């Protein structure tokens, strides 16, 4: 899966994808506009993660409807 964003874009960039019945993604590869490539392993499903170039996952929260 590829997502391309203009280099000058300053807003939050979100990519959402499904894993079907899988409980995790074996590998997630990100190619940053700088050309740097980060690889993450065993990323659990059903969550929203925040990823920073060179640092990997810096935050995570469960994915789903808001709590009431």
PDB file of N, CA and C in Angstrom:
ATOM      1  N   UNK A   1       0.840  -1.148   0.000  1.00  0.00           N
ATOM      2  CA  UNK A   1       0.000   0.000   0.000  1.00  0.00           C
ATOM      3  C   UNK A   1       0.897   1.226   0.000  1.00  0.00           C
ATOM      4  N   UNK A   2       0.564   2.181  -0.836  1.00  0.00           N
ATOM      5  CA  UNK A   2       1.361   3.388  -0.940  1.00  0.00           C
ATOM      6  C   UNK A   2       0.476   4.600  -0.723  1.00  0.00           C
ATOM      7  N   UNK A   3       0.979   5.590  -0.018  1.00  0.00           N
ATOM      8  CA  UNK A   3       0.302   6.872   0.141  1.00  0.00           C
ATOM      9  C   UNK A   3       1.312   7.953  -0.187  1.00  0.00           C
ATOM     10  N   UNK A   4       0.898   8.874  -1.018  1.00  0.00           N
ATOM     11  CA  UNK A   4       1.800   9.955  -1.396  1.00  0.00           C
ATOM     12  C   UNK A   4       1.177  11.276  -0.955  1.00  0.00           C
ATOM     13  N   UNK A   5       1.989  12.111  -0.334  1.00  0.00           N
ATOM     14  CA  UNK A   5       1.535  13.403   0.152  1.00  0.00           C
ATOM     15  C   UNK A   5       2.488  14.470  -0.358  1.00  0.00           C
ATOM     16  N   UNK A   6       1.973  15.638  -0.698  1.00  0.00           N
ATOM     17  CA  UNK A   6       2.874  16.728  -1.114  1.00  0.00           C
ATOM     18  C   UNK A   6       3.866  17.060  -0.004  1.00  0.00           C
ATOM     19  N   UNK A   7       5.083  17.376  -0.374  1.00  0.00           N
ATOM     20  CA  UNK A   7       6.125  17.676   0.621  1.00  0.00           C
ATOM     21  C   UNK A   7       5.766  18.855   1.510  1.00  0.00           C
ATOM     22  N   UNK A   8       5.003  19.814   1.001  1.00  0.00           N
ATOM     23  CA  UNK A   8       4.679  21.011   1.779  1.00  0.00           C
ATOM     24  C   UNK A   8       3.466  20.818   2.685  1.00  0.00           C
ATOM     25  N   UNK A   9       2.839  19.676   2.637  1.00  0.00           N
ATOM     26  CA  UNK A   9       1.647  19.425   3.443  1.00  0.00           C
ATOM     27  C   UNK A   9       2.000  19.454   4.921  1.00  0.00           C
ATOM     28  N   UNK A  10       1.310  20.272   5.695  1.00  0.00           N
ATOM     29  CA  UNK A  10       1.621  20.427   7.107  1.00  0.00           C
ATOM     30  C   UNK A  10       0.600  19.764   8.019  1.00  0.00           C
ATOM     31  N   UNK A  11      -0.532  19.347   7.487  1.00  0.00           N
ATOM     32  CA  UNK A  11      -1.562  18.757   8.339  1.00  0.00           C
ATOM     33  C   UNK A  11      -1.243  17.295   8.637  1.00  0.00           C
ATOM     34  N   UNK A  12      -2.027  16.739   9.538  1.00  0.00           N
ATOM     35  CA  UNK A  12      -1.844  15.345   9.939  1.00  0.00           C
ATOM     36  C   UNK A  12      -2.036  14.433   8.727  1.00  0.00           C
ATOM     37  N   UNK A  13      -1.180  13.465   8.596  1.00  0.00           N
ATOM     38  CA  UNK A  13      -1.268  12.499   7.497  1.00  0.00           C
ATOM     39  C   UNK A  13      -1.695  11.167   8.080  1.00  0.00           C
ATOM     40  N   UNK A  14      -2.834  10.681   7.642  1.00  0.00           N
ATOM     41  CA  UNK A  14      -3.373   9.438   8.189  1.00  0.00           C
ATOM     42  C   UNK A  14      -3.556   8.445   7.058  1.00  0.00           C
ATOM     43  N   UNK A  15      -3.070   7.241   7.273  1.00  0.00           N
ATOM     44  CA  UNK A  15      -3.274   6.148   6.340  1.00  0.00           C
ATOM     45  C   UNK A  15      -3.970   5.039   7.106  1.00  0.00           C
ATOM     46  N   UNK A  16      -5.142   4.650   6.646  1.00  0.00           N
ATOM     47  CA  UNK A  16      -5.911   3.599   7.307  1.00  0.00           C
ATOM     48  C   UNK A  16      -5.964   2.396   6.372  1.00  0.00           C
ATOM     49  N   UNK A  17      -5.663   1.230   6.909  1.00  0.00           N
ATOM     50  CA  UNK A  17      -5.762   0.021   6.099  1.00  0.00           C
ATOM     51  C   UNK A  17      -6.199  -1.135   6.969  1.00  0.00           C
ATOM     52  N   UNK A  18      -6.866  -2.091   6.351  1.00  0.00           N
ATOM     53  CA  UNK A  18      -7.383  -3.247   7.076  1.00  0.00           C
ATOM     54  C   UNK A  18      -6.464  -4.448   6.951  1.00  0.00           C
ATOM     55  N   UNK A  19      -6.542  -5.296   7.941  1.00  0.00           N
ATOM     56  CA  UNK A  19      -5.727  -6.511   7.960  1.00  0.00           C
ATOM     57  C   UNK A  19      -6.575  -7.767   7.857  1.00  0.00           C
ATOM     58  N   UNK A  20      -7.865  -7.591   7.542  1.00  0.00           N
ATOM     59  CA  UNK A  20      -8.743  -8.760   7.473  1.00  0.00           C
ATOM     60  C   UNK A  20      -8.848  -9.416   8.836  1.00  0.00           C
ATOM     61  N   UNK A  21      -8.605 -10.706   8.888  1.00  0.00           N
ATOM     62  CA  UNK A  21      -8.712 -11.436  10.149  1.00  0.00           C
ATOM     63  C   UNK A  21      -7.386 -11.508  10.905  1.00  0.00           C
ATOM     64  N   UNK A  22      -6.350 -10.897  10.343  1.00  0.00           N
ATOM     65  CA  UNK A  22      -5.029 -10.951  10.976  1.00  0.00           C
ATOM     66  C   UNK A  22      -5.004 -10.098  12.242  1.00  0.00           C
ATOM     67  N   UNK A  23      -4.303 -10.554  13.251  1.00  0.00           N
ATOM     68  CA  UNK A  23      -4.193  -9.838  14.528  1.00  0.00           C
ATOM     69  C   UNK A  23      -3.044  -8.831  14.529  1.00  0.00           C
ATOM     70  N   UNK A  24      -2.183  -8.905  13.512  1.00  0.00           N
ATOM     71  CA  UNK A  24      -1.049  -7.987  13.440  1.00  0.00           C
ATOM     72  C   UNK A  24      -0.546  -7.907  12.006  1.00  0.00           C
ATOM     73  N   UNK A  25       0.209  -6.848  11.739  1.00  0.00           N
ATOM     74  CA  UNK A  25       0.915  -6.717  10.467  1.00  0.00           C
ATOM     75  C   UNK A  25       2.341  -7.198  10.713  1.00  0.00           C
ATOM     76  N   UNK A  26       2.779  -8.167   9.951  1.00  0.00           N
ATOM     77  CA  UNK A  26       4.131  -8.694  10.140  1.00  0.00           C
ATOM     78  C   UNK A  26       5.179  -7.599   9.941  1.00  0.00           C
ATOM     79  N   UNK A  27       4.998  -6.795   8.888  1.00  0.00           N
ATOM     80  CA  UNK A  27       5.941  -5.721   8.589  1.00  0.00           C
ATOM     81  C   UNK A  27       5.194  -4.517   8.039  1.00  0.00           C
ATOM     82  N   UNK A  28       5.557  -3.339   8.518  1.00  0.00           N
ATOM     83  CA  UNK A  28       5.076  -2.078   7.964  1.00  0.00           C
ATOM     84  C   UNK A  28       6.320  -1.309   7.551  1.00  0.00           C
ATOM     85  N   UNK A  29       6.374  -0.910   6.283  1.00  0.00           N
ATOM     86  CA  UNK A  29       7.531  -0.172   5.781  1.00  0.00           C
ATOM     87  C   UNK A  29       7.080   1.220   5.372  1.00  0.00           C
ATOM     88  N   UNK A  30       7.795   2.232   5.860  1.00  0.00           N
ATOM     89  CA  UNK A  30       7.480   3.617   5.553  1.00  0.00           C
ATOM     90  C   UNK A  30       8.665   4.225   4.838  1.00  0.00           C
ATOM     91  N   UNK A  31       8.405   4.812   3.657  1.00  0.00           N
ATOM     92  CA  UNK A  31       9.443   5.573   2.971  1.00  0.00           C
ATOM     93  C   UNK A  31       9.069   7.040   3.119  1.00  0.00           C
ATOM     94  N   UNK A  32       9.867   7.768   3.870  1.00  0.00           N
ATOM     95  CA  UNK A  32       9.629   9.171   4.172  1.00  0.00           C
ATOM     96  C   UNK A  32      10.049  10.041   2.998  1.00  0.00           C
ATOM     97  N   UNK A  33       9.487  11.267   2.899  1.00  0.00           N
ATOM     98  CA  UNK A  33       9.862  12.161   1.791  1.00  0.00           C
ATOM     99  C   UNK A  33      11.370  12.401   1.702  1.00  0.00           C
ATOM    100  N   UNK A  34      12.081  12.305   2.820  1.00  0.00           N
ATOM    101  CA  UNK A  34      13.540  12.492   2.815  1.00  0.00           C
ATOM    102  C   UNK A  34      14.267  11.343   2.134  1.00  0.00           C
ATOM    103  N   UNK A  35      13.543  10.228   1.913  1.00  0.00           N
ATOM    104  CA  UNK A  35      14.162   9.034   1.355  1.00  0.00           C
ATOM    105  C   UNK A  35      14.476   7.995   2.418  1.00  0.00           C
ATOM    106  N   UNK A  36      14.437   8.391   3.678  1.00  0.00           N
ATOM    107  CA  UNK A  36      14.665   7.443   4.782  1.00  0.00           C
ATOM    108  C   UNK A  36      13.575   6.378   4.771  1.00  0.00           C
ATOM    109  N   UNK A  37      13.944   5.157   5.085  1.00  0.00           N
ATOM    110  CA  UNK A  37      12.993   4.057   5.156  1.00  0.00           C
ATOM    111  C   UNK A  37      13.029   3.475   6.566  1.00  0.00           C
ATOM    112  N   UNK A  38      11.861   3.355   7.174  1.00  0.00           N
ATOM    113  CA  UNK A  38      11.727   2.716   8.488  1.00  0.00           C
ATOM    114  C   UNK A  38      10.907   1.449   8.317  1.00  0.00           C
ATOM    115  N   UNK A  39      11.301   0.395   8.996  1.00  0.00           N
ATOM    116  CA  UNK A  39      10.547  -0.859   9.009  1.00  0.00           C
ATOM    117  C   UNK A  39      10.124  -1.166  10.429  1.00  0.00           C
ATOM    118  N   UNK A  40       8.835  -1.459  10.590  1.00  0.00           N
ATOM    119  CA  UNK A  40       8.283  -1.851  11.883  1.00  0.00           C
ATOM    120  C   UNK A  40       7.851  -3.300  11.771  1.00  0.00           C
ATOM    121  N   UNK A  41       8.016  -4.047  12.832  1.00  0.00           N
ATOM    122  CA  UNK A  41       7.653  -5.470  12.831  1.00  0.00           C
ATOM    123  C   UNK A  41       6.583  -5.747  13.863  1.00  0.00           C
ATOM    124  N   UNK A  42       5.728  -6.723  13.544  1.00  0.00           N
ATOM    125  CA  UNK A  42       4.710  -7.218  14.476  1.00  0.00           C
ATOM    126  C   UNK A  42       3.857  -6.100  15.063  1.00  0.00           C
ATOM    127  N   UNK A  43       3.267  -5.293  14.186  1.00  0.00           N
ATOM    128  CA  UNK A  43       2.423  -4.179  14.613  1.00  0.00           C
ATOM    129  C   UNK A  43       1.003  -4.703  14.812  1.00  0.00           C
ATOM    130  N   UNK A  44       0.513  -4.589  16.039  1.00  0.00           N
ATOM    131  CA  UNK A  44      -0.823  -5.105  16.359  1.00  0.00           C
ATOM    132  C   UNK A  44      -1.912  -4.385  15.587  1.00  0.00           C
ATOM    133  N   UNK A  45      -2.978  -5.108  15.273  1.00  0.00           N
ATOM    134  CA  UNK A  45      -4.153  -4.558  14.609  1.00  0.00           C
ATOM    135  C   UNK A  45      -5.012  -3.813  15.619  1.00  0.00           C
ATOM    136  N   UNK A  46      -6.074  -3.177  15.125  1.00  0.00           N
ATOM    137  CA  UNK A  46      -7.096  -2.499  15.934  1.00  0.00           C
ATOM    138  C   UNK A  46      -6.511  -1.388  16.801  1.00  0.00           C
ATOM    139  N   UNK A  47      -5.600  -0.630  16.201  1.00  0.00           N
ATOM    140  CA  UNK A  47      -5.043   0.514  16.911  1.00  0.00           C
ATOM    141  C   UNK A  47      -4.663   1.596  15.908  1.00  0.00           C
ATOM    142  N   UNK A  48      -4.539   2.793  16.404  1.00  0.00           N
ATOM    143  CA  UNK A  48      -4.015   3.910  15.639  1.00  0.00           C
ATOM    144  C   UNK A  48      -2.647   4.213  16.221  1.00  0.00           C
ATOM    145  N   UNK A  49      -1.629   4.214  15.374  1.00  0.00           N
ATOM    146  CA  UNK A  49      -0.274   4.461  15.861  1.00  0.00           C
ATOM    147  C   UNK A  49       0.253   5.774  15.292  1.00  0.00           C
ATOM    148  N   UNK A  50       1.098   6.421  16.057  1.00  0.00           N
ATOM    149  CA  UNK A  50       1.815   7.606  15.607  1.00  0.00           C
ATOM    150  C   UNK A  50       3.259   7.186  15.397  1.00  0.00           C
ATOM    151  N   UNK A  51       3.764   7.481  14.206  1.00  0.00           N
ATOM    152  CA  UNK A  51       5.112   7.061  13.833  1.00  0.00           C
ATOM    153  C   UNK A  51       5.911   8.297  13.462  1.00  0.00           C
ATOM    154  N   UNK A  52       7.137   8.381  13.956  1.00  0.00           N
ATOM    155  CA  UNK A  52       8.049   9.468  13.603  1.00  0.00           C
ATOM    156  C   UNK A  52       9.266   8.884  12.893  1.00  0.00           C
ATOM    157  N   UNK A  53       9.706   9.592  11.884  1.00  0.00           N
ATOM    158  CA  UNK A  53      10.864   9.142  11.112  1.00  0.00           C
ATOM    159  C   UNK A  53      12.062   8.916  12.033  1.00  0.00           C
ATOM    160  N   UNK A  54      12.651   7.744  11.916  1.00  0.00           N
ATOM    161  CA  UNK A  54      13.837   7.410  12.688  1.00  0.00           C
ATOM    162  C   UNK A  54      13.566   6.969  14.115  1.00  0.00           C
ATOM    163  N   UNK A  55      12.331   7.134  14.579  1.00  0.00           N
ATOM    164  CA  UNK A  55      11.982   6.763  15.954  1.00  0.00           C
ATOM    165  C   UNK A  55      11.018   5.594  16.027  1.00  0.00           C
ATOM    166  N   UNK A  56      10.306   5.326  14.962  1.00  0.00           N
ATOM    167  CA  UNK A  56       9.311   4.252  14.983  1.00  0.00           C
ATOM    168  C   UNK A  56       8.019   4.712  15.649  1.00  0.00           C
ATOM    169  N   UNK A  57       7.338   3.783  16.306  1.00  0.00           N
ATOM    170  CA  UNK A  57       6.062   4.091  16.946  1.00  0.00           C
ATOM    171  C   UNK A  57       6.325   4.906  18.208  1.00  0.00           C
ATOM    172  N   UNK A  58       5.729   6.090  18.267  1.00  0.00           N
ATOM    173  CA  UNK A  58       5.904   6.960  19.429  1.00  0.00           C
ATOM    174  C   UNK A  58       4.602   7.123  20.214  1.00  0.00           C
ATOM    175  N   UNK A  59       3.525   6.541  19.707  1.00  0.00           N
ATOM    176  CA  UNK A  59       2.249   6.594  20.406  1.00  0.00           C
ATOM    177  C   UNK A  59       1.282   5.608  19.787  1.00  0.00           C
ATOM    178  N   UNK A  60       0.341   5.142  20.603  1.00  0.00           N
ATOM    179  CA  UNK A  60      -0.671   4.208  20.106  1.00  0.00           C
ATOM    180  C   UNK A  60      -1.923   4.345  20.951  1.00  0.00           C
ATOM    181  N   UNK A  61      -3.065   4.175  20.282  1.00  0.00           N
ATOM    182  CA  UNK A  61      -4.347   4.162  20.996  1.00  0.00           C
ATOM    183  C   UNK A  61      -5.255   3.168  20.316  1.00  0.00           C
ATOM    184  N   UNK A  62      -6.171   2.551  21.060  1.00  0.00           N
ATOM    185  CA  UNK A  62      -7.076   1.566  20.465  1.00  0.00           C
ATOM    186  C   UNK A  62      -7.908   2.221  19.357  1.00  0.00           C
ATOM    187  N   UNK A  63      -8.166   1.454  18.314  1.00  0.00           N
ATOM    188  CA  UNK A  63      -8.996   1.909  17.215  1.00  0.00           C
ATOM    189  C   UNK A  63     -10.409   1.437  17.452  1.00  0.00           C
ATOM    190  N   UNK A  64     -11.353   2.310  17.301  1.00  0.00           N
ATOM    191  CA  UNK A  64     -12.745   1.927  17.458  1.00  0.00           C
ATOM    192  C   UNK A  64     -13.596   3.138  17.705  1.00  0.00           C
ATOM    193  N   UNK A  65     -14.881   2.921  17.911  1.00  0.00           N
ATOM    194  CA  UNK A  65     -15.776   4.055  18.148  1.00  0.00           C
ATOM    195  C   UNK A  65     -15.408   4.769  19.435  1.00  0.00           C
ATOM    196  N   UNK A  66     -15.658   6.084  19.507  1.00  0.00           N
ATOM    197  CA  UNK A  66     -15.347   6.832  20.729  1.00  0.00           C
ATOM    198  C   UNK A  66     -16.136   6.301  21.933  1.00  0.00           C
ATOM    199  N   UNK A  67     -15.549   6.415  23.096  1.00  0.00           N
ATOM    200  CA  UNK A  67     -16.234   6.018  24.328  1.00  0.00           C
ATOM    201  C   UNK A  67     -17.369   6.989  24.606  1.00  0.00           C
ATOM    202  N   UNK A  68     -18.438   6.464  25.181  1.00  0.00           N
ATOM    203  CA  UNK A  68     -19.567   7.335  25.516  1.00  0.00           C
ATOM    204  C   UNK A  68     -19.727   7.473  26.995  1.00  0.00           C
TER     205      UNK A  68
END
